[in-house]
Amino acid sequence: MWISGRAAAVPGSVFALMDAAKERARAAGRVVTDLSIGSSDLSPPEAVLSALREATRDPATYRYPLFSDTAPLREAAARYLGRRFGVQVDPQTEVLP
């Protein structure tokens, strides 16, 4: 099959690349928990399921958050980025969940 130069320049599917990376990790003896497409291959921990059930009973769960309501999440994300990648971001202007 003939493939145009432009199409040939497009990198492979990110999912195929991740599948190959997972296989390399497994071949190296690493344990891989796949959280990519769809559901994971493991059941969620009971504590997580319990917290989700409890959250569904909270009327505050059922509303659209305004930007200000996401401040704790944006601040946590900014801290994570600082710890994990050594970058400083402003949670008010540079983080959007």
PDB file of N, CA and C in Angstrom:
ATOM      1  N   MET A   1       0.845  -1.172   0.000  1.00  0.00           N
ATOM      2  CA  MET A   1       0.000   0.000   0.000  1.00  0.00           C
ATOM      3  C   MET A   1       0.890   1.234   0.000  1.00  0.00           C
ATOM      4  N   TRP A   2       0.545   2.191  -0.826  1.00  0.00           N
ATOM      5  CA  TRP A   2       1.282   3.441  -0.891  1.00  0.00           C
ATOM      6  C   TRP A   2       0.782   4.390   0.186  1.00  0.00           C
ATOM      7  N   ILE A   3       1.704   5.018   0.909  1.00  0.00           N
ATOM      8  CA  ILE A   3       1.359   5.992   1.949  1.00  0.00           C
ATOM      9  C   ILE A   3       2.037   7.301   1.595  1.00  0.00           C
ATOM     10  N   SER A   4       1.297   8.377   1.621  1.00  0.00           N
ATOM     11  CA  SER A   4       1.849   9.686   1.279  1.00  0.00           C
ATOM     12  C   SER A   4       2.937  10.077   2.263  1.00  0.00           C
ATOM     13  N   GLY A   5       3.800  10.960   1.845  1.00  0.00           N
ATOM     14  CA  GLY A   5       4.874  11.445   2.709  1.00  0.00           C
ATOM     15  C   GLY A   5       4.342  12.120   3.959  1.00  0.00           C
ATOM     16  N   ARG A   6       3.255  12.877   3.797  1.00  0.00           N
ATOM     17  CA  ARG A   6       2.672  13.561   4.956  1.00  0.00           C
ATOM     18  C   ARG A   6       2.107  12.546   5.950  1.00  0.00           C
ATOM     19  N   ALA A   7       1.424  11.533   5.436  1.00  0.00           N
ATOM     20  CA  ALA A   7       0.855  10.514   6.327  1.00  0.00           C
ATOM     21  C   ALA A   7       1.961   9.704   6.992  1.00  0.00           C
ATOM     22  N   ALA A   8       3.020   9.433   6.268  1.00  0.00           N
ATOM     23  CA  ALA A   8       4.130   8.653   6.825  1.00  0.00           C
ATOM     24  C   ALA A   8       4.842   9.420   7.936  1.00  0.00           C
ATOM     25  N   ALA A   9       4.757  10.756   7.898  1.00  0.00           N
ATOM     26  CA  ALA A   9       5.428  11.577   8.908  1.00  0.00           C
ATOM     27  C   ALA A   9       4.662  11.625  10.225  1.00  0.00           C
ATOM     28  N   VAL A  10       3.402  11.192  10.211  1.00  0.00           N
ATOM     29  CA  VAL A  10       2.603  11.199  11.425  1.00  0.00           C
ATOM     30  C   VAL A  10       3.099  10.071  12.326  1.00  0.00           C
ATOM     31  N   PRO A  11       3.391  10.386  13.594  1.00  0.00           N
ATOM     32  CA  PRO A  11       3.877   9.328  14.486  1.00  0.00           C
ATOM     33  C   PRO A  11       2.808   8.261  14.697  1.00  0.00           C
ATOM     34  N   GLY A  12       3.250   7.122  15.164  1.00  0.00           N
ATOM     35  CA  GLY A  12       2.332   6.013  15.403  1.00  0.00           C
ATOM     36  C   GLY A  12       1.300   6.349  16.459  1.00  0.00           C
ATOM     37  N   SER A  13       0.296   5.531  16.542  1.00  0.00           N
ATOM     38  CA  SER A  13      -0.762   5.707  17.535  1.00  0.00           C
ATOM     39  C   SER A  13      -0.155   5.715  18.935  1.00  0.00           C
ATOM     40  N   VAL A  14      -0.581   6.659  19.743  1.00  0.00           N
ATOM     41  CA  VAL A  14      -0.083   6.717  21.109  1.00  0.00           C
ATOM     42  C   VAL A  14      -0.446   5.435  21.864  1.00  0.00           C
ATOM     43  N   PHE A  15      -1.590   4.834  21.509  1.00  0.00           N
ATOM     44  CA  PHE A  15      -1.996   3.601  22.183  1.00  0.00           C
ATOM     45  C   PHE A  15      -1.082   2.442  21.796  1.00  0.00           C
ATOM     46  N   ALA A  16      -0.690   2.391  20.524  1.00  0.00           N
ATOM     47  CA  ALA A  16       0.236   1.342  20.093  1.00  0.00           C
ATOM     48  C   ALA A  16       1.602   1.547  20.745  1.00  0.00           C
ATOM     49  N   LEU A  17       2.042   2.794  20.858  1.00  0.00           N
ATOM     50  CA  LEU A  17       3.320   3.076  21.513  1.00  0.00           C
ATOM     51  C   LEU A  17       3.274   2.670  22.987  1.00  0.00           C
ATOM     52  N   MET A  18       2.157   2.956  23.654  1.00  0.00           N
ATOM     53  CA  MET A  18       2.028   2.580  25.059  1.00  0.00           C
ATOM     54  C   MET A  18       1.959   1.065  25.223  1.00  0.00           C
ATOM     55  N   ASP A  19       1.251   0.384  24.306  1.00  0.00           N
ATOM     56  CA  ASP A  19       1.213  -1.081  24.362  1.00  0.00           C
ATOM     57  C   ASP A  19       2.617  -1.658  24.251  1.00  0.00           C
ATOM     58  N   ALA A  20       3.418  -1.117  23.343  1.00  0.00           N
ATOM     59  CA  ALA A  20       4.796  -1.595  23.173  1.00  0.00           C
ATOM     60  C   ALA A  20       5.617  -1.327  24.436  1.00  0.00           C
ATOM     61  N   ALA A  21       5.426  -0.147  25.047  1.00  0.00           N
ATOM     62  CA  ALA A  21       6.162   0.182  26.274  1.00  0.00           C
ATOM     63  C   ALA A  21       5.762  -0.762  27.409  1.00  0.00           C
ATOM     64  N   LYS A  22       4.469  -1.070  27.506  1.00  0.00           N
ATOM     65  CA  LYS A  22       4.014  -1.999  28.551  1.00  0.00           C
ATOM     66  C   LYS A  22       4.613  -3.384  28.341  1.00  0.00           C
ATOM     67  N   GLU A  23       4.649  -3.830  27.102  1.00  0.00           N
ATOM     68  CA  GLU A  23       5.228  -5.154  26.818  1.00  0.00           C
ATOM     69  C   GLU A  23       6.714  -5.193  27.157  1.00  0.00           C
ATOM     70  N   ARG A  24       7.433  -4.108  26.857  1.00  0.00           N
ATOM     71  CA  ARG A  24       8.861  -4.049  27.217  1.00  0.00           C
ATOM     72  C   ARG A  24       9.026  -4.111  28.736  1.00  0.00           C
ATOM     73  N   ALA A  25       8.165  -3.403  29.456  1.00  0.00           N
ATOM     74  CA  ALA A  25       8.252  -3.406  30.919  1.00  0.00           C
ATOM     75  C   ALA A  25       7.954  -4.798  31.466  1.00  0.00           C
ATOM     76  N   ARG A  26       6.922  -5.438  30.927  1.00  0.00           N
ATOM     77  CA  ARG A  26       6.594  -6.799  31.387  1.00  0.00           C
ATOM     78  C   ARG A  26       7.729  -7.774  31.074  1.00  0.00           C
ATOM     79  N   ALA A  27       8.318  -7.632  29.885  1.00  0.00           N
ATOM     80  CA  ALA A  27       9.430  -8.503  29.493  1.00  0.00           C
ATOM     81  C   ALA A  27      10.631  -8.310  30.414  1.00  0.00           C
ATOM     82  N   ALA A  28      10.751  -7.100  30.980  1.00  0.00           N
ATOM     83  CA  ALA A  28      11.846  -6.811  31.908  1.00  0.00           C
ATOM     84  C   ALA A  28      11.506  -7.254  33.331  1.00  0.00           C
ATOM     85  N   GLY A  29      10.331  -7.884  33.505  1.00  0.00           N
ATOM     86  CA  GLY A  29       9.964  -8.399  34.809  1.00  0.00           C
ATOM     87  C   GLY A  29       9.219  -7.411  35.691  1.00  0.00           C
ATOM     88  N   ARG A  30       8.817  -6.279  35.154  1.00  0.00           N
ATOM     89  CA  ARG A  30       8.083  -5.297  35.952  1.00  0.00           C
ATOM     90  C   ARG A  30       6.597  -5.644  35.979  1.00  0.00           C
ATOM     91  N   VAL A  31       5.958  -5.301  37.087  1.00  0.00           N
ATOM     92  CA  VAL A  31       4.514  -5.469  37.213  1.00  0.00           C
ATOM     93  C   VAL A  31       3.863  -4.224  36.621  1.00  0.00           C
ATOM     94  N   VAL A  32       2.936  -4.413  35.699  1.00  0.00           N
ATOM     95  CA  VAL A  32       2.277  -3.295  35.036  1.00  0.00           C
ATOM     96  C   VAL A  32       0.793  -3.341  35.358  1.00  0.00           C
ATOM     97  N   THR A  33       0.279  -2.260  35.916  1.00  0.00           N
ATOM     98  CA  THR A  33      -1.153  -2.117  36.120  1.00  0.00           C
ATOM     99  C   THR A  33      -1.643  -1.166  35.047  1.00  0.00           C
ATOM    100  N   ASP A  34      -2.457  -1.652  34.155  1.00  0.00           N
ATOM    101  CA  ASP A  34      -2.898  -0.895  32.993  1.00  0.00           C
ATOM    102  C   ASP A  34      -4.121  -0.050  33.328  1.00  0.00           C
ATOM    103  N   LEU A  35      -3.950   1.269  33.361  1.00  0.00           N
ATOM    104  CA  LEU A  35      -5.048   2.198  33.621  1.00  0.00           C
ATOM    105  C   LEU A  35      -5.324   3.043  32.387  1.00  0.00           C
ATOM    106  N   SER A  36      -5.018   2.521  31.218  1.00  0.00           N
ATOM    107  CA  SER A  36      -5.168   3.317  30.005  1.00  0.00           C
ATOM    108  C   SER A  36      -6.593   3.278  29.483  1.00  0.00           C
ATOM    109  N   ILE A  37      -6.843   2.593  28.413  1.00  0.00           N
ATOM    110  CA  ILE A  37      -8.145   2.604  27.772  1.00  0.00           C
ATOM    111  C   ILE A  37      -9.144   1.790  28.585  1.00  0.00           C
ATOM    112  N   GLY A  38     -10.302   2.380  28.839  1.00  0.00           N
ATOM    113  CA  GLY A  38     -11.368   1.644  29.513  1.00  0.00           C
ATOM    114  C   GLY A  38     -11.061   1.392  30.971  1.00  0.00           C
ATOM    115  N   SER A  39     -11.536   0.288  31.461  1.00  0.00           N
ATOM    116  CA  SER A  39     -11.381  -0.067  32.865  1.00  0.00           C
ATOM    117  C   SER A  39     -10.039  -0.751  33.096  1.00  0.00           C
ATOM    118  N   SER A  40      -9.553  -0.586  34.306  1.00  0.00           N
ATOM    119  CA  SER A  40      -8.317  -1.301  34.641  1.00  0.00           C
ATOM    120  C   SER A  40      -8.629  -2.786  34.758  1.00  0.00           C
ATOM    121  N   ASP A  41      -7.597  -3.581  34.886  1.00  0.00           N
ATOM    122  CA  ASP A  41      -7.798  -5.024  35.014  1.00  0.00           C
ATOM    123  C   ASP A  41      -7.967  -5.451  36.471  1.00  0.00           C
ATOM    124  N   LEU A  42      -8.036  -4.478  37.375  1.00  0.00           N
ATOM    125  CA  LEU A  42      -8.203  -4.772  38.794  1.00  0.00           C
ATOM    126  C   LEU A  42      -9.424  -4.034  39.333  1.00  0.00           C
ATOM    127  N   SER A  43     -10.083  -4.618  40.316  1.00  0.00           N
ATOM    128  CA  SER A  43     -11.194  -3.930  40.971  1.00  0.00           C
ATOM    129  C   SER A  43     -10.645  -2.786  41.820  1.00  0.00           C
ATOM    130  N   PRO A  44     -11.392  -1.693  41.930  1.00  0.00           N
ATOM    131  CA  PRO A  44     -10.943  -0.613  42.815  1.00  0.00           C
ATOM    132  C   PRO A  44     -10.936  -1.091  44.261  1.00  0.00           C
ATOM    133  N   PRO A  45     -10.080  -0.522  45.089  1.00  0.00           N
ATOM    134  CA  PRO A  45     -10.083  -0.890  46.508  1.00  0.00           C
ATOM    135  C   PRO A  45     -11.439  -0.572  47.139  1.00  0.00           C
ATOM    136  N   GLU A  46     -11.845  -1.360  48.109  1.00  0.00           N
ATOM    137  CA  GLU A  46     -13.137  -1.165  48.765  1.00  0.00           C
ATOM    138  C   GLU A  46     -13.255   0.233  49.364  1.00  0.00           C
ATOM    139  N   ALA A  47     -12.170   0.772  49.905  1.00  0.00           N
ATOM    140  CA  ALA A  47     -12.222   2.122  50.485  1.00  0.00           C
ATOM    141  C   ALA A  47     -12.600   3.158  49.430  1.00  0.00           C
ATOM    142  N   VAL A  48     -12.119   2.983  48.207  1.00  0.00           N
ATOM    143  CA  VAL A  48     -12.463   3.902  47.123  1.00  0.00           C
ATOM    144  C   VAL A  48     -13.935   3.756  46.763  1.00  0.00           C
ATOM    145  N   LEU A  49     -14.401   2.525  46.629  1.00  0.00           N
ATOM    146  CA  LEU A  49     -15.804   2.298  46.307  1.00  0.00           C
ATOM    147  C   LEU A  49     -16.720   2.863  47.396  1.00  0.00           C
ATOM    148  N   SER A  50     -16.331   2.691  48.645  1.00  0.00           N
ATOM    149  CA  SER A  50     -17.115   3.211  49.758  1.00  0.00           C
ATOM    150  C   SER A  50     -17.168   4.738  49.716  1.00  0.00           C
ATOM    151  N   ALA A  51     -16.035   5.375  49.449  1.00  0.00           N
ATOM    152  CA  ALA A  51     -15.994   6.842  49.365  1.00  0.00           C
ATOM    153  C   ALA A  51     -16.860   7.344  48.212  1.00  0.00           C
ATOM    154  N   LEU A  52     -16.850   6.626  47.092  1.00  0.00           N
ATOM    155  CA  LEU A  52     -17.697   7.013  45.963  1.00  0.00           C
ATOM    156  C   LEU A  52     -19.177   6.876  46.310  1.00  0.00           C
ATOM    157  N   ARG A  53     -19.532   5.781  46.971  1.00  0.00           N
ATOM    158  CA  ARG A  53     -20.926   5.598  47.373  1.00  0.00           C
ATOM    159  C   ARG A  53     -21.364   6.720  48.299  1.00  0.00           C
ATOM    160  N   GLU A  54     -20.512   7.043  49.255  1.00  0.00           N
ATOM    161  CA  GLU A  54     -20.840   8.102  50.207  1.00  0.00           C
ATOM    162  C   GLU A  54     -20.969   9.450  49.492  1.00  0.00           C
ATOM    163  N   ALA A  55     -20.114   9.716  48.539  1.00  0.00           N
ATOM    164  CA  ALA A  55     -20.170  10.985  47.806  1.00  0.00           C
ATOM    165  C   ALA A  55     -21.463  11.122  47.017  1.00  0.00           C
ATOM    166  N   THR A  56     -22.001  10.006  46.546  1.00  0.00           N
ATOM    167  CA  THR A  56     -23.248  10.086  45.781  1.00  0.00           C
ATOM    168  C   THR A  56     -24.432  10.471  46.662  1.00  0.00           C
ATOM    169  N   ARG A  57     -24.282  10.338  47.974  1.00  0.00           N
ATOM    170  CA  ARG A  57     -25.356  10.717  48.904  1.00  0.00           C
ATOM    171  C   ARG A  57     -25.276  12.191  49.303  1.00  0.00           C
ATOM    172  N   ASP A  58     -24.194  12.871  48.943  1.00  0.00           N
ATOM    173  CA  ASP A  58     -23.970  14.265  49.313  1.00  0.00           C
ATOM    174  C   ASP A  58     -24.557  15.179  48.242  1.00  0.00           C
ATOM    175  N   PRO A  59     -25.594  15.973  48.566  1.00  0.00           N
ATOM    176  CA  PRO A  59     -26.206  16.846  47.563  1.00  0.00           C
ATOM    177  C   PRO A  59     -25.211  17.824  46.926  1.00  0.00           C
ATOM    178  N   ALA A  60     -24.152  18.179  47.638  1.00  0.00           N
ATOM    179  CA  ALA A  60     -23.169  19.112  47.076  1.00  0.00           C
ATOM    180  C   ALA A  60     -22.414  18.505  45.885  1.00  0.00           C
ATOM    181  N   THR A  61     -22.478  17.175  45.762  1.00  0.00           N
ATOM    182  CA  THR A  61     -21.806  16.500  44.654  1.00  0.00           C
ATOM    183  C   THR A  61     -22.462  16.820  43.324  1.00  0.00           C
ATOM    184  N   TYR A  62     -23.749  17.139  43.351  1.00  0.00           N
ATOM    185  CA  TYR A  62     -24.516  17.316  42.125  1.00  0.00           C
ATOM    186  C   TYR A  62     -24.660  18.780  41.750  1.00  0.00           C
ATOM    187  N   ARG A  63     -23.596  19.354  41.263  1.00  0.00           N
ATOM    188  CA  ARG A  63     -23.623  20.726  40.769  1.00  0.00           C
ATOM    189  C   ARG A  63     -22.395  20.955  39.921  1.00  0.00           C
ATOM    190  N   TYR A  64     -22.444  21.967  39.094  1.00  0.00           N
ATOM    191  CA  TYR A  64     -21.283  22.330  38.297  1.00  0.00           C
ATOM    192  C   TYR A  64     -20.395  23.231  39.138  1.00  0.00           C
ATOM    193  N   PRO A  65     -19.126  22.890  39.276  1.00  0.00           N
ATOM    194  CA  PRO A  65     -18.249  23.755  40.076  1.00  0.00           C
ATOM    195  C   PRO A  65     -17.876  25.000  39.279  1.00  0.00           C
ATOM    196  N   LEU A  66     -17.921  26.114  39.947  1.00  0.00           N
ATOM    197  CA  LEU A  66     -17.408  27.335  39.342  1.00  0.00           C
ATOM    198  C   LEU A  66     -15.896  27.304  39.462  1.00  0.00           C
ATOM    199  N   PHE A  67     -15.238  28.200  38.792  1.00  0.00           N
ATOM    200  CA  PHE A  67     -13.777  28.213  38.810  1.00  0.00           C
ATOM    201  C   PHE A  67     -13.254  28.294  40.238  1.00  0.00           C
ATOM    202  N   SER A  68     -13.879  29.120  41.079  1.00  0.00           N
ATOM    203  CA  SER A  68     -13.382  29.283  42.451  1.00  0.00           C
ATOM    204  C   SER A  68     -13.543  28.002  43.264  1.00  0.00           C
ATOM    205  N   ASP A  69     -14.528  27.173  42.922  1.00  0.00           N
ATOM    206  CA  ASP A  69     -14.729  25.924  43.655  1.00  0.00           C
ATOM    207  C   ASP A  69     -13.624  24.911  43.414  1.00  0.00           C
ATOM    208  N   THR A  70     -12.844  25.099  42.369  1.00  0.00           N
ATOM    209  CA  THR A  70     -11.782  24.148  42.068  1.00  0.00           C
ATOM    210  C   THR A  70     -10.431  24.581  42.632  1.00  0.00           C
ATOM    211  N   ALA A  71     -10.410  25.640  43.434  1.00  0.00           N
ATOM    212  CA  ALA A  71      -9.144  26.155  43.966  1.00  0.00           C
ATOM    213  C   ALA A  71      -8.331  25.073  44.690  1.00  0.00           C
ATOM    214  N   PRO A  72      -8.922  24.278  45.596  1.00  0.00           N
ATOM    215  CA  PRO A  72      -8.110  23.255  46.264  1.00  0.00           C
ATOM    216  C   PRO A  72      -7.497  22.253  45.278  1.00  0.00           C
ATOM    217  N   LEU A  73      -8.252  21.868  44.263  1.00  0.00           N
ATOM    218  CA  LEU A  73      -7.724  20.936  43.264  1.00  0.00           C
ATOM    219  C   LEU A  73      -6.592  21.585  42.469  1.00  0.00           C
ATOM    220  N   ARG A  74      -6.787  22.821  42.042  1.00  0.00           N
ATOM    221  CA  ARG A  74      -5.753  23.513  41.268  1.00  0.00           C
ATOM    222  C   ARG A  74      -4.487  23.723  42.104  1.00  0.00           C
ATOM    223  N   GLU A  75      -4.656  24.032  43.379  1.00  0.00           N
ATOM    224  CA  GLU A  75      -3.495  24.219  44.257  1.00  0.00           C
ATOM    225  C   GLU A  75      -2.752  22.899  44.462  1.00  0.00           C
ATOM    226  N   ALA A  76      -3.488  21.820  44.630  1.00  0.00           N
ATOM    227  CA  ALA A  76      -2.860  20.493  44.782  1.00  0.00           C
ATOM    228  C   ALA A  76      -2.120  20.115  43.501  1.00  0.00           C
ATOM    229  N   ALA A  77      -2.712  20.412  42.354  1.00  0.00           N
ATOM    230  CA  ALA A  77      -2.053  20.109  41.084  1.00  0.00           C
ATOM    231  C   ALA A  77      -0.765  20.912  40.940  1.00  0.00           C
ATOM    232  N   ALA A  78      -0.789  22.164  41.336  1.00  0.00           N
ATOM    233  CA  ALA A  78       0.411  22.997  41.249  1.00  0.00           C
ATOM    234  C   ALA A  78       1.515  22.459  42.157  1.00  0.00           C
ATOM    235  N   ARG A  79       1.143  22.032  43.355  1.00  0.00           N
ATOM    236  CA  ARG A  79       2.148  21.439  44.266  1.00  0.00           C
ATOM    237  C   ARG A  79       2.729  20.161  43.666  1.00  0.00           C
ATOM    238  N   TYR A  80       1.859  19.317  43.098  1.00  0.00           N
ATOM    239  CA  TYR A  80       2.317  18.077  42.477  1.00  0.00           C
ATOM    240  C   TYR A  80       3.299  18.369  41.345  1.00  0.00           C
ATOM    241  N   LEU A  81       2.959  19.316  40.485  1.00  0.00           N
ATOM    242  CA  LEU A  81       3.856  19.653  39.375  1.00  0.00           C
ATOM    243  C   LEU A  81       5.209  20.133  39.891  1.00  0.00           C
ATOM    244  N   GLY A  82       5.191  20.885  40.984  1.00  0.00           N
ATOM    245  CA  GLY A  82       6.447  21.339  41.577  1.00  0.00           C
ATOM    246  C   GLY A  82       7.281  20.191  42.102  1.00  0.00           C
ATOM    247  N   ARG A  83       6.622  19.278  42.836  1.00  0.00           N
ATOM    248  CA  ARG A  83       7.346  18.122  43.379  1.00  0.00           C
ATOM    249  C   ARG A  83       7.821  17.185  42.282  1.00  0.00           C
ATOM    250  N   ARG A  84       6.936  16.856  41.370  1.00  0.00           N
ATOM    251  CA  ARG A  84       7.212  15.818  40.375  1.00  0.00           C
ATOM    252  C   ARG A  84       8.138  16.289  39.263  1.00  0.00           C
ATOM    253  N   PHE A  85       7.915  17.522  38.793  1.00  0.00           N
ATOM    254  CA  PHE A  85       8.651  17.979  37.618  1.00  0.00           C
ATOM    255  C   PHE A  85       9.531  19.199  37.889  1.00  0.00           C
ATOM    256  N   GLY A  86       9.497  19.722  39.109  1.00  0.00           N
ATOM    257  CA  GLY A  86      10.335  20.863  39.448  1.00  0.00           C
ATOM    258  C   GLY A  86       9.919  22.155  38.756  1.00  0.00           C
ATOM    259  N   VAL A  87       8.651  22.261  38.387  1.00  0.00           N
ATOM    260  CA  VAL A  87       8.166  23.488  37.752  1.00  0.00           C
ATOM    261  C   VAL A  87       7.218  24.198  38.702  1.00  0.00           C
ATOM    262  N   GLN A  88       7.250  25.498  38.672  1.00  0.00           N
ATOM    263  CA  GLN A  88       6.362  26.300  39.492  1.00  0.00           C
ATOM    264  C   GLN A  88       5.284  26.894  38.597  1.00  0.00           C
ATOM    265  N   VAL A  89       4.033  26.642  38.926  1.00  0.00           N
ATOM    266  CA  VAL A  89       2.917  27.195  38.174  1.00  0.00           C
ATOM    267  C   VAL A  89       1.976  27.897  39.141  1.00  0.00           C
ATOM    268  N   ASP A  90       1.311  28.906  38.634  1.00  0.00           N
ATOM    269  CA  ASP A  90       0.340  29.650  39.422  1.00  0.00           C
ATOM    270  C   ASP A  90      -1.011  28.949  39.326  1.00  0.00           C
ATOM    271  N   PRO A  91      -1.527  28.407  40.426  1.00  0.00           N
ATOM    272  CA  PRO A  91      -2.778  27.674  40.366  1.00  0.00           C
ATOM    273  C   PRO A  91      -3.967  28.544  39.931  1.00  0.00           C
ATOM    274  N   GLN A  92      -3.848  29.862  40.106  1.00  0.00           N
ATOM    275  CA  GLN A  92      -4.940  30.755  39.724  1.00  0.00           C
ATOM    276  C   GLN A  92      -4.966  31.054  38.227  1.00  0.00           C
ATOM    277  N   THR A  93      -3.783  31.032  37.605  1.00  0.00           N
ATOM    278  CA  THR A  93      -3.733  31.436  36.186  1.00  0.00           C
ATOM    279  C   THR A  93      -3.151  30.377  35.247  1.00  0.00           C
ATOM    280  N   GLU A  94      -2.531  29.318  35.798  1.00  0.00           N
ATOM    281  CA  GLU A  94      -1.859  28.361  34.928  1.00  0.00           C
ATOM    282  C   GLU A  94      -2.305  26.913  35.114  1.00  0.00           C
ATOM    283  N   VAL A  95      -3.315  26.687  35.925  1.00  0.00           N
ATOM    284  CA  VAL A  95      -3.826  25.324  36.122  1.00  0.00           C
ATOM    285  C   VAL A  95      -5.313  25.335  35.844  1.00  0.00           C
ATOM    286  N   LEU A  96      -5.731  24.436  34.965  1.00  0.00           N
ATOM    287  CA  LEU A  96      -7.150  24.321  34.632  1.00  0.00           C
ATOM    288  C   LEU A  96      -7.536  22.848  34.617  1.00  0.00           C
ATOM    289  N   PRO A  97      -8.349  22.413  35.584  1.00  0.00           N
ATOM    290  CA  PRO A  97      -8.736  21.003  35.596  1.00  0.00           C
ATOM    291  C   PRO A  97      -9.733  20.692  34.478  1.00  0.00           C
TER     292      PRO A  97
END
